[in-house]
Amino acid sequence: MAARVLAQLILMGGQIIGRAAFQAYNQALANAAKKGATGASAGAAALGRMTISEARKILNVNTGASKTTVEEAFERLHTANDPAKGGSSYIQAKIRGAKTRLMASDAQTTKE
């Protein structure tokens, strides 16, 4: 009897968590659509890829910033967030990713 009740509780908990995760995903897609995210940027965000807009925000640079400006922002933020100085390796990784993303988008723009 107790095993049956326990199994039902576990099953019910799994269903609740599954529904909540599904609703959260749908809400995230709805929020992305409200903010005007294109299919490509919403898809990139869903897959964990950084968008150009996000990279600009992380490095605090404007649209059309030069490579020099991006590299200066990178150096300043990367040094400020050095784990040896009490910074965060996670934030440093985001900063590196932002620089890589902006440099890659700049390389594609110059090819076209």
N, C-alpha and C. Protein backbone atom coordinates (compact mmCIF):
# COMPACT_ATOMS: atom_id res chain seq x y z
N MET A 1 0.82 -1.20 0.00
CA MET A 1 0.00 0.00 0.00
C MET A 1 0.87 1.26 0.00
N ALA A 2 1.85 1.29 0.89
CA ALA A 2 2.71 2.46 0.99
C ALA A 2 3.54 2.63 -0.28
N ALA A 3 3.95 1.52 -0.87
CA ALA A 3 4.74 1.58 -2.09
C ALA A 3 3.90 2.16 -3.23
N ARG A 4 2.63 1.81 -3.26
CA ARG A 4 1.75 2.31 -4.31
C ARG A 4 1.55 3.82 -4.18
N VAL A 5 1.37 4.29 -2.96
CA VAL A 5 1.19 5.72 -2.71
C VAL A 5 2.47 6.47 -3.08
N LEU A 6 3.61 5.91 -2.71
CA LEU A 6 4.88 6.54 -3.03
C LEU A 6 5.08 6.60 -4.54
N ALA A 7 4.75 5.54 -5.25
CA ALA A 7 4.88 5.52 -6.70
C ALA A 7 3.96 6.57 -7.34
N GLN A 8 2.75 6.70 -6.82
CA GLN A 8 1.82 7.70 -7.35
C GLN A 8 2.34 9.12 -7.10
N LEU A 9 2.91 9.34 -5.93
CA LEU A 9 3.47 10.67 -5.63
C LEU A 9 4.64 11.01 -6.56
N ILE A 10 5.49 10.04 -6.82
CA ILE A 10 6.63 10.26 -7.72
C ILE A 10 6.13 10.53 -9.12
N LEU A 11 5.17 9.77 -9.59
CA LEU A 11 4.61 9.96 -10.92
C LEU A 11 3.95 11.34 -11.04
N MET A 12 3.18 11.71 -10.03
CA MET A 12 2.51 13.01 -10.04
C MET A 12 3.54 14.15 -10.03
N GLY A 13 4.58 14.00 -9.24
CA GLY A 13 5.63 15.03 -9.20
C GLY A 13 6.32 15.17 -10.54
N GLY A 14 6.59 14.06 -11.21
CA GLY A 14 7.20 14.09 -12.53
C GLY A 14 6.32 14.79 -13.55
N GLN A 15 5.02 14.53 -13.47
CA GLN A 15 4.08 15.18 -14.39
C GLN A 15 4.05 16.69 -14.16
N ILE A 16 4.04 17.10 -12.92
CA ILE A 16 4.01 18.53 -12.58
C ILE A 16 5.26 19.23 -13.09
N ILE A 17 6.40 18.61 -12.85
CA ILE A 17 7.67 19.20 -13.29
C ILE A 17 7.73 19.25 -14.82
N GLY A 18 7.27 18.20 -15.48
CA GLY A 18 7.25 18.17 -16.94
C GLY A 18 6.36 19.27 -17.51
N ARG A 19 5.17 19.45 -16.94
CA ARG A 19 4.28 20.51 -17.40
C ARG A 19 4.89 21.89 -17.18
N ALA A 20 5.52 22.08 -16.03
CA ALA A 20 6.14 23.37 -15.73
C ALA A 20 7.27 23.69 -16.71
N ALA A 21 8.08 22.70 -17.03
CA ALA A 21 9.18 22.91 -17.97
C ALA A 21 8.64 23.25 -19.35
N PHE A 22 7.59 22.56 -19.77
CA PHE A 22 6.98 22.82 -21.07
C PHE A 22 6.40 24.23 -21.12
N GLN A 23 5.72 24.65 -20.05
CA GLN A 23 5.15 26.00 -20.01
C GLN A 23 6.25 27.06 -20.00
N ALA A 24 7.34 26.81 -19.29
CA ALA A 24 8.46 27.76 -19.25
C ALA A 24 9.08 27.91 -20.63
N TYR A 25 9.23 26.82 -21.34
CA TYR A 25 9.78 26.87 -22.70
C TYR A 25 8.87 27.67 -23.62
N ASN A 26 7.59 27.41 -23.56
CA ASN A 26 6.64 28.15 -24.39
C ASN A 26 6.63 29.63 -24.04
N GLN A 27 6.74 29.95 -22.75
CA GLN A 27 6.78 31.35 -22.33
C GLN A 27 8.05 32.02 -22.83
N ALA A 28 9.16 31.33 -22.82
CA ALA A 28 10.42 31.89 -23.33
C ALA A 28 10.31 32.19 -24.82
N LEU A 29 9.69 31.31 -25.57
CA LEU A 29 9.49 31.56 -26.99
C LEU A 29 8.56 32.74 -27.22
N ALA A 30 7.51 32.84 -26.41
CA ALA A 30 6.58 33.96 -26.54
C ALA A 30 7.29 35.28 -26.20
N ASN A 31 8.11 35.28 -25.17
CA ASN A 31 8.85 36.49 -24.80
C ASN A 31 9.82 36.89 -25.90
N ALA A 32 10.47 35.92 -26.51
CA ALA A 32 11.39 36.22 -27.60
C ALA A 32 10.63 36.83 -28.78
N ALA A 33 9.46 36.33 -29.05
CA ALA A 33 8.65 36.87 -30.15
C ALA A 33 8.19 38.29 -29.84
N LYS A 34 7.83 38.56 -28.58
CA LYS A 34 7.39 39.89 -28.18
C LYS A 34 8.51 40.91 -28.30
N LYS A 35 9.74 40.48 -28.03
CA LYS A 35 10.88 41.38 -28.09
C LYS A 35 11.37 41.56 -29.51
N GLY A 36 10.72 40.93 -30.46
CA GLY A 36 11.09 41.10 -31.86
C GLY A 36 12.27 40.25 -32.28
N ALA A 37 12.54 39.20 -31.55
CA ALA A 37 13.64 38.33 -31.94
C ALA A 37 13.27 37.62 -33.24
N THR A 38 14.20 37.59 -34.14
CA THR A 38 13.96 36.88 -35.39
C THR A 38 14.04 35.39 -35.12
N GLY A 39 13.61 34.62 -36.08
CA GLY A 39 13.70 33.18 -35.93
C GLY A 39 15.12 32.72 -35.72
N ALA A 40 16.07 33.37 -36.39
CA ALA A 40 17.47 32.98 -36.27
C ALA A 40 18.00 33.29 -34.89
N SER A 41 17.72 34.48 -34.37
CA SER A 41 18.26 34.83 -33.06
C SER A 41 17.55 34.06 -31.95
N ALA A 42 16.24 33.82 -32.09
CA ALA A 42 15.54 33.03 -31.09
C ALA A 42 16.06 31.60 -31.10
N GLY A 43 16.31 31.08 -32.30
CA GLY A 43 16.87 29.73 -32.42
C GLY A 43 18.27 29.66 -31.86
N ALA A 44 19.07 30.69 -32.10
CA ALA A 44 20.44 30.72 -31.57
C ALA A 44 20.41 30.75 -30.06
N ALA A 45 19.52 31.56 -29.51
CA ALA A 45 19.42 31.64 -28.06
C ALA A 45 18.96 30.31 -27.47
N ALA A 46 18.02 29.65 -28.14
CA ALA A 46 17.53 28.36 -27.65
C ALA A 46 18.62 27.31 -27.67
N LEU A 47 19.54 27.41 -28.63
CA LEU A 47 20.61 26.43 -28.73
C LEU A 47 21.83 26.82 -27.90
N GLY A 48 21.78 27.94 -27.21
CA GLY A 48 22.88 28.36 -26.37
C GLY A 48 23.95 29.14 -27.11
N ARG A 49 23.68 29.52 -28.36
CA ARG A 49 24.64 30.32 -29.12
C ARG A 49 24.39 31.78 -28.81
N MET A 50 25.45 32.55 -28.82
CA MET A 50 25.35 33.96 -28.51
C MET A 50 24.96 34.74 -29.76
N THR A 51 24.00 35.65 -29.60
CA THR A 51 23.63 36.52 -30.70
C THR A 51 24.58 37.72 -30.73
N ILE A 52 24.60 38.42 -31.85
CA ILE A 52 25.45 39.60 -31.98
C ILE A 52 25.00 40.66 -30.99
N SER A 53 23.70 40.81 -30.82
CA SER A 53 23.16 41.79 -29.88
C SER A 53 23.63 41.49 -28.46
N GLU A 54 23.57 40.23 -28.07
CA GLU A 54 24.02 39.83 -26.74
C GLU A 54 25.52 40.09 -26.57
N ALA A 55 26.28 39.80 -27.60
CA ALA A 55 27.73 40.02 -27.54
C ALA A 55 28.04 41.50 -27.35
N ARG A 56 27.31 42.36 -28.06
CA ARG A 56 27.51 43.81 -27.91
C ARG A 56 27.18 44.26 -26.50
N LYS A 57 26.12 43.71 -25.94
CA LYS A 57 25.73 44.08 -24.57
C LYS A 57 26.78 43.64 -23.56
N ILE A 58 27.32 42.45 -23.74
CA ILE A 58 28.32 41.94 -22.81
C ILE A 58 29.57 42.81 -22.82
N LEU A 59 30.02 43.19 -24.01
CA LEU A 59 31.23 44.00 -24.12
C LEU A 59 30.95 45.50 -24.03
N ASN A 60 29.66 45.87 -23.99
CA ASN A 60 29.25 47.27 -23.89
C ASN A 60 29.82 48.10 -25.04
N VAL A 61 29.61 47.61 -26.26
CA VAL A 61 30.04 48.34 -27.45
C VAL A 61 28.82 48.59 -28.33
N ASN A 62 28.90 49.63 -29.14
CA ASN A 62 27.80 50.01 -30.03
C ASN A 62 27.84 49.21 -31.33
N THR A 63 26.75 49.29 -32.06
CA THR A 63 26.67 48.68 -33.38
C THR A 63 27.74 49.30 -34.27
N GLY A 64 28.45 48.49 -35.00
CA GLY A 64 29.47 48.99 -35.91
C GLY A 64 30.77 49.35 -35.22
N ALA A 65 30.97 48.87 -33.98
CA ALA A 65 32.23 49.16 -33.27
C ALA A 65 33.40 48.54 -34.02
N SER A 66 34.53 49.22 -34.02
CA SER A 66 35.70 48.72 -34.72
C SER A 66 36.31 47.54 -33.97
N LYS A 67 37.18 46.81 -34.68
CA LYS A 67 37.88 45.69 -34.04
C LYS A 67 38.69 46.18 -32.85
N THR A 68 39.29 47.35 -32.99
CA THR A 68 40.10 47.91 -31.91
C THR A 68 39.24 48.17 -30.68
N THR A 69 38.06 48.74 -30.87
CA THR A 69 37.15 49.02 -29.76
C THR A 69 36.73 47.73 -29.08
N VAL A 70 36.42 46.71 -29.88
CA VAL A 70 36.01 45.41 -29.32
C VAL A 70 37.17 44.80 -28.52
N GLU A 71 38.37 44.86 -29.08
CA GLU A 71 39.52 44.28 -28.38
C GLU A 71 39.85 45.04 -27.10
N GLU A 72 39.71 46.37 -27.10
CA GLU A 72 39.95 47.15 -25.88
C GLU A 72 38.92 46.81 -24.80
N ALA A 73 37.66 46.71 -25.20
CA ALA A 73 36.60 46.34 -24.25
C ALA A 73 36.86 44.94 -23.71
N PHE A 74 37.26 44.03 -24.60
CA PHE A 74 37.57 42.67 -24.18
C PHE A 74 38.68 42.66 -23.13
N GLU A 75 39.78 43.33 -23.43
CA GLU A 75 40.93 43.34 -22.50
C GLU A 75 40.54 43.91 -21.15
N ARG A 76 39.80 45.03 -21.16
CA ARG A 76 39.40 45.68 -19.92
C ARG A 76 38.52 44.76 -19.07
N LEU A 77 37.50 44.18 -19.69
CA LEU A 77 36.56 43.34 -18.95
C LEU A 77 37.18 42.00 -18.56
N HIS A 78 37.99 41.44 -19.44
CA HIS A 78 38.63 40.15 -19.16
C HIS A 78 39.57 40.28 -17.96
N THR A 79 40.34 41.37 -17.94
CA THR A 79 41.27 41.60 -16.83
C THR A 79 40.51 41.87 -15.54
N ALA A 80 39.45 42.65 -15.62
CA ALA A 80 38.67 42.99 -14.42
C ALA A 80 38.00 41.76 -13.80
N ASN A 81 37.74 40.75 -14.59
CA ASN A 81 37.06 39.56 -14.10
C ASN A 81 38.00 38.36 -13.93
N ASP A 82 39.27 38.62 -13.75
CA ASP A 82 40.26 37.56 -13.56
C ASP A 82 39.96 36.81 -12.26
N PRO A 83 39.79 35.48 -12.32
CA PRO A 83 39.50 34.71 -11.11
C PRO A 83 40.59 34.85 -10.04
N ALA A 84 41.83 35.08 -10.44
CA ALA A 84 42.90 35.25 -9.47
C ALA A 84 42.72 36.54 -8.66
N LYS A 85 41.94 37.46 -9.21
CA LYS A 85 41.68 38.73 -8.53
C LYS A 85 40.27 38.79 -7.95
N GLY A 86 39.65 37.64 -7.83
CA GLY A 86 38.30 37.59 -7.26
C GLY A 86 37.19 37.64 -8.29
N GLY A 87 37.54 37.56 -9.56
CA GLY A 87 36.54 37.59 -10.62
C GLY A 87 35.94 36.21 -10.87
N SER A 88 35.22 36.11 -11.95
CA SER A 88 34.50 34.88 -12.27
C SER A 88 34.98 34.29 -13.59
N SER A 89 35.30 33.01 -13.58
CA SER A 89 35.71 32.35 -14.82
C SER A 89 34.52 32.21 -15.77
N TYR A 90 33.31 32.12 -15.22
CA TYR A 90 32.11 32.06 -16.06
C TYR A 90 31.94 33.36 -16.84
N ILE A 91 32.10 34.48 -16.15
CA ILE A 91 31.97 35.78 -16.82
C ILE A 91 33.08 35.95 -17.84
N GLN A 92 34.29 35.51 -17.49
CA GLN A 92 35.38 35.59 -18.46
C GLN A 92 35.05 34.77 -19.72
N ALA A 93 34.45 33.63 -19.54
CA ALA A 93 34.07 32.80 -20.69
C ALA A 93 33.03 33.51 -21.55
N LYS A 94 32.07 34.18 -20.92
CA LYS A 94 31.07 34.94 -21.67
C LYS A 94 31.74 36.08 -22.44
N ILE A 95 32.72 36.73 -21.81
CA ILE A 95 33.44 37.84 -22.46
C ILE A 95 34.22 37.33 -23.66
N ARG A 96 34.90 36.18 -23.49
CA ARG A 96 35.63 35.58 -24.62
C ARG A 96 34.68 35.22 -25.75
N GLY A 97 33.54 34.64 -25.39
CA GLY A 97 32.54 34.28 -26.40
C GLY A 97 32.00 35.49 -27.14
N ALA A 98 31.80 36.59 -26.41
CA ALA A 98 31.30 37.82 -27.03
C ALA A 98 32.32 38.36 -28.03
N LYS A 99 33.59 38.35 -27.64
CA LYS A 99 34.63 38.84 -28.54
C LYS A 99 34.69 37.95 -29.79
N THR A 100 34.68 36.66 -29.60
CA THR A 100 34.73 35.72 -30.72
C THR A 100 33.55 35.94 -31.66
N ARG A 101 32.36 36.11 -31.08
CA ARG A 101 31.14 36.30 -31.89
C ARG A 101 31.22 37.59 -32.70
N LEU A 102 31.65 38.68 -32.08
CA LEU A 102 31.74 39.95 -32.79
C LEU A 102 32.83 39.93 -33.86
N MET A 103 33.95 39.30 -33.55
CA MET A 103 35.03 39.22 -34.54
C MET A 103 34.60 38.36 -35.72
N ALA A 104 33.86 37.28 -35.45
CA ALA A 104 33.38 36.40 -36.53
C ALA A 104 32.35 37.14 -37.39
N SER A 105 31.47 37.91 -36.75
CA SER A 105 30.47 38.65 -37.53
C SER A 105 31.14 39.74 -38.34
N ASP A 106 32.19 40.35 -37.81
CA ASP A 106 32.94 41.38 -38.54
C ASP A 106 33.65 40.76 -39.74
N ALA A 107 34.20 39.56 -39.56
CA ALA A 107 34.89 38.88 -40.67
C ALA A 107 33.89 38.54 -41.78
N GLN A 108 32.69 38.12 -41.41
CA GLN A 108 31.67 37.80 -42.42
C GLN A 108 31.22 39.06 -43.15
N THR A 109 31.12 40.18 -42.43
CA THR A 109 30.69 41.43 -43.04
C THR A 109 31.71 41.92 -44.05
N THR A 110 32.99 41.77 -43.73
CA THR A 110 34.02 42.24 -44.65
C THR A 110 34.14 41.35 -45.88
N LYS A 111 33.72 40.08 -45.79
CA LYS A 111 33.76 39.18 -46.95
C LYS A 111 32.70 39.54 -47.97
N GLU A 112 31.56 40.04 -47.48
CA GLU A 112 30.42 40.32 -48.36
C GLU A 112 30.57 41.58 -49.13
